[in-house]
Amino acid sequence: SNRRSSRVIASSSAATRAVRAAAWAAAKAGDSEALLR
C-alpha cells in the first residue's frame, strides 16, 4: 500500500505540473479555448 500511495502522489504531482504548464501556455497565448480547458 505504501508503494501504491507513492505512485498516486507521484502521478498527481505530474498531473499538477502538467495542468500548471498548460495554464502558463494558455495565459501567455491568450487562447480562450485553452484558458477554458
PDB file of all heavy atoms in Angstrom:
ATOM      1  N   SER A   1       0.823  -1.202   0.000  1.00  0.00           N
ATOM      2  CA  SER A   1       0.000   0.000   0.000  1.00  0.00           C
ATOM      3  C   SER A   1       0.861   1.257   0.000  1.00  0.00           C
ATOM      4  O   SER A   1       0.482   2.279  -0.553  1.00  0.00           O
ATOM      5  CB  SER A   1      -0.957   0.007   1.180  1.00  0.00           C
ATOM      6  OG  SER A   1      -0.249   0.126   2.385  1.00  0.00           O
ATOM      7  N   ASN A   2       2.036   1.215   0.629  1.00  0.00           N
ATOM      8  CA  ASN A   2       2.928   2.382   0.608  1.00  0.00           C
ATOM      9  C   ASN A   2       3.418   2.665  -0.806  1.00  0.00           C
ATOM     10  O   ASN A   2       3.537   3.811  -1.202  1.00  0.00           O
ATOM     11  CB  ASN A   2       4.121   2.167   1.540  1.00  0.00           C
ATOM     12  CG  ASN A   2       3.724   2.303   2.991  1.00  0.00           C
ATOM     13  OD1 ASN A   2       2.684   2.872   3.300  1.00  0.00           O
ATOM     14  ND2 ASN A   2       4.536   1.759   3.877  1.00  0.00           N
ATOM     15  N   ARG A   3       3.734   1.598  -1.550  1.00  0.00           N
ATOM     16  CA  ARG A   3       4.159   1.798  -2.940  1.00  0.00           C
ATOM     17  C   ARG A   3       3.034   2.412  -3.756  1.00  0.00           C
ATOM     18  O   ARG A   3       3.263   3.299  -4.553  1.00  0.00           O
ATOM     19  CB  ARG A   3       4.575   0.468  -3.569  1.00  0.00           C
ATOM     20  CG  ARG A   3       5.986   0.140  -3.314  1.00  0.00           C
ATOM     21  CD  ARG A   3       6.419  -0.995  -4.194  1.00  0.00           C
ATOM     22  NE  ARG A   3       7.340  -1.784  -3.421  1.00  0.00           N
ATOM     23  CZ  ARG A   3       7.514  -3.062  -3.522  1.00  0.00           C
ATOM     24  NH1 ARG A   3       6.812  -3.759  -4.385  1.00  0.00           N
ATOM     25  NH2 ARG A   3       8.380  -3.684  -2.777  1.00  0.00           N
ATOM     26  N   ARG A   4       1.817   1.909  -3.558  1.00  0.00           N
ATOM     27  CA  ARG A   4       0.668   2.432  -4.297  1.00  0.00           C
ATOM     28  C   ARG A   4       0.467   3.910  -3.952  1.00  0.00           C
ATOM     29  O   ARG A   4       0.240   4.734  -4.824  1.00  0.00           O
ATOM     30  CB  ARG A   4      -0.587   1.634  -3.954  1.00  0.00           C
ATOM     31  CG  ARG A   4      -1.783   2.084  -4.740  1.00  0.00           C
ATOM     32  CD  ARG A   4      -2.939   1.098  -4.556  1.00  0.00           C
ATOM     33  NE  ARG A   4      -4.034   1.514  -5.378  1.00  0.00           N
ATOM     34  CZ  ARG A   4      -5.102   2.156  -4.933  1.00  0.00           C
ATOM     35  NH1 ARG A   4      -5.223   2.422  -3.660  1.00  0.00           N
ATOM     36  NH2 ARG A   4      -6.060   2.502  -5.755  1.00  0.00           N
ATOM     37  N   SER A   5       0.544   4.273  -2.672  1.00  0.00           N
ATOM     38  CA  SER A   5       0.392   5.670  -2.255  1.00  0.00           C
ATOM     39  C   SER A   5       1.454   6.544  -2.897  1.00  0.00           C
ATOM     40  O   SER A   5       1.170   7.651  -3.347  1.00  0.00           O
ATOM     41  CB  SER A   5       0.496   5.797  -0.733  1.00  0.00           C
ATOM     42  OG  SER A   5      -0.555   5.106  -0.118  1.00  0.00           O
ATOM     43  N   SER A   6       2.683   6.057  -2.956  1.00  0.00           N
ATOM     44  CA  SER A   6       3.765   6.820  -3.572  1.00  0.00           C
ATOM     45  C   SER A   6       3.487   7.068  -5.049  1.00  0.00           C
ATOM     46  O   SER A   6       3.734   8.145  -5.570  1.00  0.00           O
ATOM     47  CB  SER A   6       5.097   6.091  -3.419  1.00  0.00           C
ATOM     48  OG  SER A   6       5.421   5.992  -2.062  1.00  0.00           O
ATOM     49  N   ARG A   7       2.958   6.034  -5.729  1.00  0.00           N
ATOM     50  CA  ARG A   7       2.650   6.197  -7.152  1.00  0.00           C
ATOM     51  C   ARG A   7       1.510   7.194  -7.352  1.00  0.00           C
ATOM     52  O   ARG A   7       1.536   7.989  -8.273  1.00  0.00           O
ATOM     53  CB  ARG A   7       2.275   4.852  -7.784  1.00  0.00           C
ATOM     54  CG  ARG A   7       3.508   4.047  -8.159  1.00  0.00           C
ATOM     55  CD  ARG A   7       3.085   2.806  -8.827  1.00  0.00           C
ATOM     56  NE  ARG A   7       2.554   1.993  -7.718  1.00  0.00           N
ATOM     57  CZ  ARG A   7       2.031   0.804  -7.816  1.00  0.00           C
ATOM     58  NH1 ARG A   7       1.891   0.237  -8.964  1.00  0.00           N
ATOM     59  NH2 ARG A   7       1.608   0.141  -6.767  1.00  0.00           N
ATOM     60  N   VAL A   8       0.508   7.165  -6.478  1.00  0.00           N
ATOM     61  CA  VAL A   8      -0.610   8.106  -6.590  1.00  0.00           C
ATOM     62  C   VAL A   8      -0.106   9.533  -6.390  1.00  0.00           C
ATOM     63  O   VAL A   8      -0.442  10.435  -7.146  1.00  0.00           O
ATOM     64  CB  VAL A   8      -1.726   7.761  -5.569  1.00  0.00           C
ATOM     65  CG1 VAL A   8      -2.750   8.878  -5.486  1.00  0.00           C
ATOM     66  CG2 VAL A   8      -2.382   6.449  -5.944  1.00  0.00           C
ATOM     67  N   ILE A   9       0.729   9.729  -5.377  1.00  0.00           N
ATOM     68  CA  ILE A   9       1.292  11.060  -5.123  1.00  0.00           C
ATOM     69  C   ILE A   9       2.137  11.517  -6.306  1.00  0.00           C
ATOM     70  O   ILE A   9       2.012  12.639  -6.775  1.00  0.00           O
ATOM     71  CB  ILE A   9       2.122  11.064  -3.813  1.00  0.00           C
ATOM     72  CG1 ILE A   9       1.182  10.911  -2.622  1.00  0.00           C
ATOM     73  CG2 ILE A   9       2.943  12.339  -3.695  1.00  0.00           C
ATOM     74  CD1 ILE A   9       1.877  10.635  -1.320  1.00  0.00           C
ATOM     75  N   ALA A  10       2.976  10.626  -6.833  1.00  0.00           N
ATOM     76  CA  ALA A  10       3.835  10.981  -7.968  1.00  0.00           C
ATOM     77  C   ALA A  10       2.995  11.319  -9.190  1.00  0.00           C
ATOM     78  O   ALA A  10       3.270  12.292  -9.889  1.00  0.00           O
ATOM     79  CB  ALA A  10       4.796   9.840  -8.282  1.00  0.00           C
ATOM     80  N   SER A  11       1.943  10.538  -9.449  1.00  0.00           N
ATOM     81  CA  SER A  11       1.132  10.817 -10.629  1.00  0.00           C
ATOM     82  C   SER A  11       0.326  12.100 -10.452  1.00  0.00           C
ATOM     83  O   SER A  11       0.127  12.842 -11.394  1.00  0.00           O
ATOM     84  CB  SER A  11       0.227   9.636 -10.960  1.00  0.00           C
ATOM     85  OG  SER A  11      -0.742   9.469  -9.959  1.00  0.00           O
ATOM     86  N   SER A  12      -0.158  12.389  -9.237  1.00  0.00           N
ATOM     87  CA  SER A  12      -0.899  13.630  -9.044  1.00  0.00           C
ATOM     88  C   SER A  12       0.047  14.827  -9.163  1.00  0.00           C
ATOM     89  O   SER A  12      -0.337  15.865  -9.654  1.00  0.00           O
ATOM     90  CB  SER A  12      -1.650  13.642  -7.721  1.00  0.00           C
ATOM     91  OG  SER A  12      -0.770  13.760  -6.640  1.00  0.00           O
ATOM     92  N   SER A  13       1.282  14.655  -8.752  1.00  0.00           N
ATOM     93  CA  SER A  13       2.250  15.733  -8.927  1.00  0.00           C
ATOM     94  C   SER A  13       2.508  15.979 -10.401  1.00  0.00           C
ATOM     95  O   SER A  13       2.610  17.120 -10.831  1.00  0.00           O
ATOM     96  CB  SER A  13       3.558  15.393  -8.217  1.00  0.00           C
ATOM     97  OG  SER A  13       3.357  15.318  -6.833  1.00  0.00           O
ATOM     98  N   ALA A  14       2.582  14.902 -11.171  1.00  0.00           N
ATOM     99  CA  ALA A  14       2.775  15.043 -12.615  1.00  0.00           C
ATOM    100  C   ALA A  14       1.560  15.721 -13.240  1.00  0.00           C
ATOM    101  O   ALA A  14       1.699  16.587 -14.111  1.00  0.00           O
ATOM    102  CB  ALA A  14       3.025  13.677 -13.251  1.00  0.00           C
ATOM    103  N   ALA A  15       0.371  15.341 -12.788  1.00  0.00           N
ATOM    104  CA  ALA A  15      -0.849  15.958 -13.314  1.00  0.00           C
ATOM    105  C   ALA A  15      -0.894  17.442 -12.951  1.00  0.00           C
ATOM    106  O   ALA A  15      -1.264  18.281 -13.776  1.00  0.00           O
ATOM    107  CB  ALA A  15      -2.078  15.240 -12.769  1.00  0.00           C
ATOM    108  N   THR A  16      -0.499  17.762 -11.730  1.00  0.00           N
ATOM    109  CA  THR A  16      -0.482  19.160 -11.292  1.00  0.00           C
ATOM    110  C   THR A  16       0.514  19.961 -12.121  1.00  0.00           C
ATOM    111  O   THR A  16       0.196  21.065 -12.579  1.00  0.00           O
ATOM    112  CB  THR A  16      -0.116  19.249  -9.797  1.00  0.00           C
ATOM    113  OG1 THR A  16      -1.110  18.554  -9.049  1.00  0.00           O
ATOM    114  CG2 THR A  16      -0.035  20.682  -9.322  1.00  0.00           C
ATOM    115  N   ARG A  17       1.691  19.396 -12.341  1.00  0.00           N
ATOM    116  CA  ARG A  17       2.696  20.090 -13.162  1.00  0.00           C
ATOM    117  C   ARG A  17       2.182  20.287 -14.583  1.00  0.00           C
ATOM    118  O   ARG A  17       2.375  21.350 -15.177  1.00  0.00           O
ATOM    119  CB  ARG A  17       4.008  19.313 -13.165  1.00  0.00           C
ATOM    120  CG  ARG A  17       4.803  19.439 -11.876  1.00  0.00           C
ATOM    121  CD  ARG A  17       6.225  18.900 -12.023  1.00  0.00           C
ATOM    122  NE  ARG A  17       6.271  17.523 -12.459  1.00  0.00           N
ATOM    123  CZ  ARG A  17       6.248  16.456 -11.647  1.00  0.00           C
ATOM    124  NH1 ARG A  17       6.145  16.631 -10.347  1.00  0.00           N
ATOM    125  NH2 ARG A  17       6.311  15.241 -12.135  1.00  0.00           N
ATOM    126  N   ALA A  18       1.512  19.279 -15.113  1.00  0.00           N
ATOM    127  CA  ALA A  18       1.006  19.366 -16.488  1.00  0.00           C
ATOM    128  C   ALA A  18      -0.067  20.445 -16.625  1.00  0.00           C
ATOM    129  O   ALA A  18      -0.046  21.232 -17.580  1.00  0.00           O
ATOM    130  CB  ALA A  18       0.452  18.011 -16.930  1.00  0.00           C
ATOM    131  N   VAL A  19      -0.998  20.499 -15.685  1.00  0.00           N
ATOM    132  CA  VAL A  19      -2.061  21.496 -15.785  1.00  0.00           C
ATOM    133  C   VAL A  19      -1.506  22.902 -15.552  1.00  0.00           C
ATOM    134  O   VAL A  19      -1.952  23.864 -16.181  1.00  0.00           O
ATOM    135  CB  VAL A  19      -3.258  21.170 -14.863  1.00  0.00           C
ATOM    136  CG1 VAL A  19      -2.984  21.506 -13.412  1.00  0.00           C
ATOM    137  CG2 VAL A  19      -4.511  21.865 -15.340  1.00  0.00           C
ATOM    138  N   ARG A  20      -0.517  23.037 -14.690  1.00  0.00           N
ATOM    139  CA  ARG A  20       0.101  24.361 -14.486  1.00  0.00           C
ATOM    140  C   ARG A  20       0.853  24.801 -15.743  1.00  0.00           C
ATOM    141  O   ARG A  20       0.811  25.982 -16.110  1.00  0.00           O
ATOM    142  CB  ARG A  20       1.033  24.339 -13.286  1.00  0.00           C
ATOM    143  CG  ARG A  20       0.286  24.301 -11.966  1.00  0.00           C
ATOM    144  CD  ARG A  20       1.226  24.247 -10.801  1.00  0.00           C
ATOM    145  NE  ARG A  20       0.511  24.109  -9.540  1.00  0.00           N
ATOM    146  CZ  ARG A  20       1.097  23.856  -8.401  1.00  0.00           C
ATOM    147  NH1 ARG A  20       2.424  23.728  -8.326  1.00  0.00           N
ATOM    148  NH2 ARG A  20       0.393  23.739  -7.295  1.00  0.00           N
ATOM    149  N   ALA A  21       1.534  23.858 -16.401  1.00  0.00           N
ATOM    150  CA  ALA A  21       2.225  24.184 -17.653  1.00  0.00           C
ATOM    151  C   ALA A  21       1.212  24.604 -18.718  1.00  0.00           C
ATOM    152  O   ALA A  21       1.435  25.574 -19.457  1.00  0.00           O
ATOM    153  CB  ALA A  21       3.043  22.988 -18.133  1.00  0.00           C
ATOM    154  N   ALA A  22       0.090  23.904 -18.776  1.00  0.00           N
ATOM    155  CA  ALA A  22      -0.960  24.266 -19.730  1.00  0.00           C
ATOM    156  C   ALA A  22      -1.523  25.644 -19.391  1.00  0.00           C
ATOM    157  O   ALA A  22      -1.837  26.436 -20.293  1.00  0.00           O
ATOM    158  CB  ALA A  22      -2.067  23.219 -19.710  1.00  0.00           C
ATOM    159  N   ALA A  23      -1.638  25.950 -18.104  1.00  0.00           N
ATOM    160  CA  ALA A  23      -2.140  27.256 -17.677  1.00  0.00           C
ATOM    161  C   ALA A  23      -1.200  28.366 -18.128  1.00  0.00           C
ATOM    162  O   ALA A  23      -1.650  29.389 -18.658  1.00  0.00           O
ATOM    163  CB  ALA A  23      -2.323  27.276 -16.153  1.00  0.00           C
ATOM    164  N   TRP A  24       0.107  28.166 -17.921  1.00  0.00           N
ATOM    165  CA  TRP A  24       1.083  29.178 -18.353  1.00  0.00           C
ATOM    166  C   TRP A  24       1.016  29.383 -19.855  1.00  0.00           C
ATOM    167  O   TRP A  24       1.014  30.526 -20.330  1.00  0.00           O
ATOM    168  CB  TRP A  24       2.505  28.793 -17.938  1.00  0.00           C
ATOM    169  CG  TRP A  24       2.802  29.083 -16.508  1.00  0.00           C
ATOM    170  CD1 TRP A  24       3.042  28.180 -15.517  1.00  0.00           C
ATOM    171  CD2 TRP A  24       2.877  30.369 -15.883  1.00  0.00           C
ATOM    172  NE1 TRP A  24       3.253  28.825 -14.321  1.00  0.00           N
ATOM    173  CE2 TRP A  24       3.168  30.168 -14.519  1.00  0.00           C
ATOM    174  CE3 TRP A  24       2.723  31.675 -16.348  1.00  0.00           C
ATOM    175  CZ2 TRP A  24       3.307  31.215 -13.617  1.00  0.00           C
ATOM    176  CZ3 TRP A  24       2.863  32.726 -15.445  1.00  0.00           C
ATOM    177  CH2 TRP A  24       3.156  32.487 -14.100  1.00  0.00           C
ATOM    178  N   ALA A  25       0.950  28.296 -20.610  1.00  0.00           N
ATOM    179  CA  ALA A  25       0.898  28.401 -22.070  1.00  0.00           C
ATOM    180  C   ALA A  25      -0.376  29.120 -22.514  1.00  0.00           C
ATOM    181  O   ALA A  25      -0.331  29.989 -23.395  1.00  0.00           O
ATOM    182  CB  ALA A  25       0.974  27.008 -22.705  1.00  0.00           C
ATOM    183  N   ALA A  26      -1.503  28.778 -21.912  1.00  0.00           N
ATOM    184  CA  ALA A  26      -2.778  29.405 -22.273  1.00  0.00           C
ATOM    185  C   ALA A  26      -2.770  30.898 -21.937  1.00  0.00           C
ATOM    186  O   ALA A  26      -3.229  31.728 -22.719  1.00  0.00           O
ATOM    187  CB  ALA A  26      -3.921  28.706 -21.557  1.00  0.00           C
ATOM    188  N   ALA A  27      -2.256  31.221 -20.751  1.00  0.00           N
ATOM    189  CA  ALA A  27      -2.214  32.629 -20.324  1.00  0.00           C
ATOM    190  C   ALA A  27      -1.297  33.441 -21.226  1.00  0.00           C
ATOM    191  O   ALA A  27      -1.634  34.564 -21.615  1.00  0.00           O
ATOM    192  CB  ALA A  27      -1.761  32.721 -18.875  1.00  0.00           C
ATOM    193  N   LYS A  28      -0.156  32.876 -21.560  1.00  0.00           N
ATOM    194  CA  LYS A  28       0.803  33.591 -22.416  1.00  0.00           C
ATOM    195  C   LYS A  28       0.220  33.829 -23.802  1.00  0.00           C
ATOM    196  O   LYS A  28       0.365  34.913 -24.362  1.00  0.00           O
ATOM    197  CB  LYS A  28       2.103  32.792 -22.513  1.00  0.00           C
ATOM    198  CG  LYS A  28       3.176  33.494 -23.301  1.00  0.00           C
ATOM    199  CD  LYS A  28       4.468  32.722 -23.295  1.00  0.00           C
ATOM    200  CE  LYS A  28       5.508  33.464 -24.118  1.00  0.00           C
ATOM    201  NZ  LYS A  28       6.776  32.765 -24.157  1.00  0.00           N
ATOM    202  N   ALA A  29      -0.457  32.816 -24.336  1.00  0.00           N
ATOM    203  CA  ALA A  29      -1.023  32.926 -25.681  1.00  0.00           C
ATOM    204  C   ALA A  29      -2.329  33.709 -25.702  1.00  0.00           C
ATOM    205  O   ALA A  29      -2.751  34.190 -26.755  1.00  0.00           O
ATOM    206  CB  ALA A  29      -1.249  31.533 -26.260  1.00  0.00           C
ATOM    207  N   GLY A  30      -2.994  33.800 -24.549  1.00  0.00           N
ATOM    208  CA  GLY A  30      -4.296  34.456 -24.507  1.00  0.00           C
ATOM    209  C   GLY A  30      -5.344  33.659 -25.270  1.00  0.00           C
ATOM    210  O   GLY A  30      -6.318  34.211 -25.772  1.00  0.00           O
ATOM    211  N   ASP A  31      -5.159  32.361 -25.346  1.00  0.00           N
ATOM    212  CA  ASP A  31      -6.034  31.450 -26.087  1.00  0.00           C
ATOM    213  C   ASP A  31      -7.269  31.131 -25.241  1.00  0.00           C
ATOM    214  O   ASP A  31      -7.183  30.398 -24.259  1.00  0.00           O
ATOM    215  CB  ASP A  31      -5.241  30.183 -26.422  1.00  0.00           C
ATOM    216  CG  ASP A  31      -6.035  29.140 -27.176  1.00  0.00           C
ATOM    217  OD1 ASP A  31      -7.271  29.256 -27.277  1.00  0.00           O
ATOM    218  OD2 ASP A  31      -5.404  28.185 -27.666  1.00  0.00           O
ATOM    219  N   SER A  32      -8.425  31.661 -25.627  1.00  0.00           N
ATOM    220  CA  SER A  32      -9.661  31.497 -24.850  1.00  0.00           C
ATOM    221  C   SER A  32     -10.031  30.041 -24.644  1.00  0.00           C
ATOM    222  O   SER A  32     -10.456  29.650 -23.552  1.00  0.00           O
ATOM    223  CB  SER A  32     -10.828  32.211 -25.541  1.00  0.00           C
ATOM    224  OG  SER A  32     -10.580  33.580 -25.604  1.00  0.00           O
ATOM    225  N   GLU A  33      -9.903  29.233 -25.675  1.00  0.00           N
ATOM    226  CA  GLU A  33     -10.264  27.818 -25.551  1.00  0.00           C
ATOM    227  C   GLU A  33      -9.330  27.091 -24.588  1.00  0.00           C
ATOM    228  O   GLU A  33      -9.770  26.283 -23.775  1.00  0.00           O
ATOM    229  CB  GLU A  33     -10.260  27.144 -26.915  1.00  0.00           C
ATOM    230  CG  GLU A  33     -11.411  27.600 -27.799  1.00  0.00           C
ATOM    231  CD  GLU A  33     -11.395  26.940 -29.166  1.00  0.00           C
ATOM    232  OE1 GLU A  33     -10.722  25.907 -29.348  1.00  0.00           O
ATOM    233  OE2 GLU A  33     -12.083  27.471 -30.055  1.00  0.00           O
ATOM    234  N   ALA A  34      -8.042  27.397 -24.666  1.00  0.00           N
ATOM    235  CA  ALA A  34      -7.081  26.765 -23.756  1.00  0.00           C
ATOM    236  C   ALA A  34      -7.303  27.237 -22.317  1.00  0.00           C
ATOM    237  O   ALA A  34      -7.194  26.445 -21.372  1.00  0.00           O
ATOM    238  CB  ALA A  34      -5.654  27.059 -24.211  1.00  0.00           C
ATOM    239  N   LEU A  35      -7.623  28.512 -22.145  1.00  0.00           N
ATOM    240  CA  LEU A  35      -7.922  29.034 -20.811  1.00  0.00           C
ATOM    241  C   LEU A  35      -9.138  28.313 -20.221  1.00  0.00           C
ATOM    242  O   LEU A  35      -9.131  27.925 -19.054  1.00  0.00           O
ATOM    243  CB  LEU A  35      -8.196  30.539 -20.869  1.00  0.00           C
ATOM    244  CG  LEU A  35      -7.012  31.445 -21.179  1.00  0.00           C
ATOM    245  CD1 LEU A  35      -7.488  32.856 -21.513  1.00  0.00           C
ATOM    246  CD2 LEU A  35      -6.023  31.459 -20.033  1.00  0.00           C
ATOM    247  N   LEU A  36     -10.159  28.103 -21.045  1.00  0.00           N
ATOM    248  CA  LEU A  36     -11.364  27.423 -20.580  1.00  0.00           C
ATOM    249  C   LEU A  36     -11.071  25.963 -20.239  1.00  0.00           C
ATOM    250  O   LEU A  36     -11.600  25.438 -19.258  1.00  0.00           O
ATOM    251  CB  LEU A  36     -12.468  27.525 -21.627  1.00  0.00           C
ATOM    252  CG  LEU A  36     -13.835  27.010 -21.207  1.00  0.00           C
ATOM    253  CD1 LEU A  36     -14.341  27.736 -19.962  1.00  0.00           C
ATOM    254  CD2 LEU A  36     -14.826  27.162 -22.345  1.00  0.00           C
ATOM    255  N   ARG A  37     -10.203  25.320 -21.017  1.00  0.00           N
ATOM    256  CA  ARG A  37      -9.827  23.925 -20.701  1.00  0.00           C
ATOM    257  C   ARG A  37      -9.177  23.841 -19.330  1.00  0.00           C
ATOM    258  O   ARG A  37      -9.459  22.939 -18.550  1.00  0.00           O
ATOM    259  CB  ARG A  37      -8.902  23.355 -21.775  1.00  0.00           C
ATOM    260  CG  ARG A  37      -9.620  22.856 -23.006  1.00  0.00           C
ATOM    261  CD  ARG A  37      -8.718  22.017 -23.898  1.00  0.00           C
ATOM    262  NE  ARG A  37      -7.549  22.729 -24.384  1.00  0.00           N
ATOM    263  CZ  ARG A  37      -7.524  23.507 -25.458  1.00  0.00           C
ATOM    264  NH1 ARG A  37      -8.630  23.689 -26.171  1.00  0.00           N
ATOM    265  NH2 ARG A  37      -6.415  24.104 -25.835  1.00  0.00           N
TER     266      ARG A  37
END
